């Protein structure tokens, strides 16, 4: 069963630990400046964060939640949306 999730990412405060990319490479990748980027995420200048709303499997939602919990600077938030 698919679930709809909203991911927000404060890239400015990312320290490039790469834990998110190691846990969920489908959603996170490391780029040339040494920071992570949210694959297909869009910058929302109003909240100064990248956002992505996506339908994901139970397995993917667990990976996303694990990547958020594992981030040493807590710049990732994953929430279910209806």
Protein backbone atom coordinates (compact mmCIF):
# COMPACT_ATOMS: atom_id res chain seq x y z
CA UNK A 1 0.00 0.00 0.00
CA UNK A 2 1.31 3.44 -0.92
CA UNK A 3 1.48 6.29 1.55
CA UNK A 4 1.82 9.97 0.79
CA UNK A 5 4.74 11.66 2.51
CA UNK A 6 6.07 15.20 2.65
CA UNK A 7 9.81 15.59 3.09
CA UNK A 8 11.32 18.92 4.08
CA UNK A 9 15.05 19.51 4.11
CA UNK A 10 17.04 22.44 5.47
CA UNK A 11 19.95 22.16 3.03
CA UNK A 12 21.61 25.36 4.26
CA UNK A 13 22.34 23.72 7.61
CA UNK A 14 23.32 20.31 6.19
CA UNK A 15 26.85 19.34 7.25
CA UNK A 16 27.33 16.67 4.59
CA UNK A 17 27.52 13.65 6.90
CA UNK A 18 25.98 11.56 4.06
CA UNK A 19 24.01 9.33 6.42
CA UNK A 20 20.77 10.11 4.57
CA UNK A 21 22.30 9.13 1.21
CA UNK A 22 23.65 5.90 2.69
CA UNK A 23 20.26 4.95 4.17
CA UNK A 24 17.94 6.09 1.36
CA UNK A 25 19.91 6.67 -1.87
CA UNK A 26 16.67 6.69 -3.84
CA UNK A 27 15.81 10.02 -2.18
CA UNK A 28 19.18 11.54 -1.23
CA UNK A 29 22.42 12.10 -3.10
CA UNK A 30 25.62 13.89 -2.30
CA UNK A 31 26.67 16.68 -4.66
CA UNK A 32 29.85 18.58 -5.46
CA UNK A 33 29.56 21.07 -2.59
CA UNK A 34 29.72 18.21 -0.09
CA UNK A 35 26.10 18.50 1.01
CA UNK A 36 23.15 16.22 0.42
CA UNK A 37 20.36 17.07 -1.94
CA UNK A 38 16.77 15.83 -1.93
CA UNK A 39 16.24 14.09 -5.27
CA UNK A 40 13.39 15.87 -7.13
CA UNK A 41 12.96 18.28 -4.20
CA UNK A 42 12.02 21.89 -4.89
CA UNK A 43 13.29 24.88 -3.00
CA UNK A 44 10.56 26.73 -1.10
CA UNK A 45 12.04 30.20 -0.44
CA UNK A 46 9.21 31.07 1.97
CA UNK A 47 10.36 28.47 4.48
CA UNK A 48 14.00 28.29 3.29
CA UNK A 49 13.80 24.52 2.80
CA UNK A 50 13.57 22.00 0.00
CA UNK A 51 10.30 20.06 -0.17
CA UNK A 52 8.99 16.95 -1.87
CA UNK A 53 5.57 15.35 -1.66
CA UNK A 54 5.63 11.78 -2.92
CA UNK A 55 3.71 8.52 -2.77
CA UNK A 56 5.94 5.85 -1.31
CA UNK A 57 5.82 2.24 -0.19
CA UNK A 58 5.92 1.23 3.46
CA UNK A 59 9.56 0.27 2.96
CA UNK A 60 10.41 3.69 1.50
CA UNK A 61 8.64 5.58 4.29
CA UNK A 62 10.69 3.61 6.81
CA UNK A 63 13.92 4.47 4.96
CA UNK A 64 12.94 8.15 4.85
CA UNK A 65 12.10 8.18 8.55
CA UNK A 66 15.38 6.41 9.33
CA UNK A 67 17.31 8.97 7.28
CA UNK A 68 15.63 11.81 9.19
CA UNK A 69 16.30 10.22 12.60
CA UNK A 70 19.91 9.47 11.67
CA UNK A 71 20.77 12.98 10.50
CA UNK A 72 23.27 14.36 13.06
CA UNK A 73 21.97 17.93 12.66
CA UNK A 74 18.27 17.04 12.31
CA UNK A 75 17.65 18.99 9.09
CA UNK A 76 15.26 16.41 7.59
CA UNK A 77 11.59 16.12 8.45
CA UNK A 78 9.24 13.43 7.11
CA UNK A 79 5.51 13.58 7.71
CA UNK A 80 2.58 11.66 6.33
CA UNK A 81 0.02 13.69 4.41
CA UNK A 82 -3.53 12.69 3.65
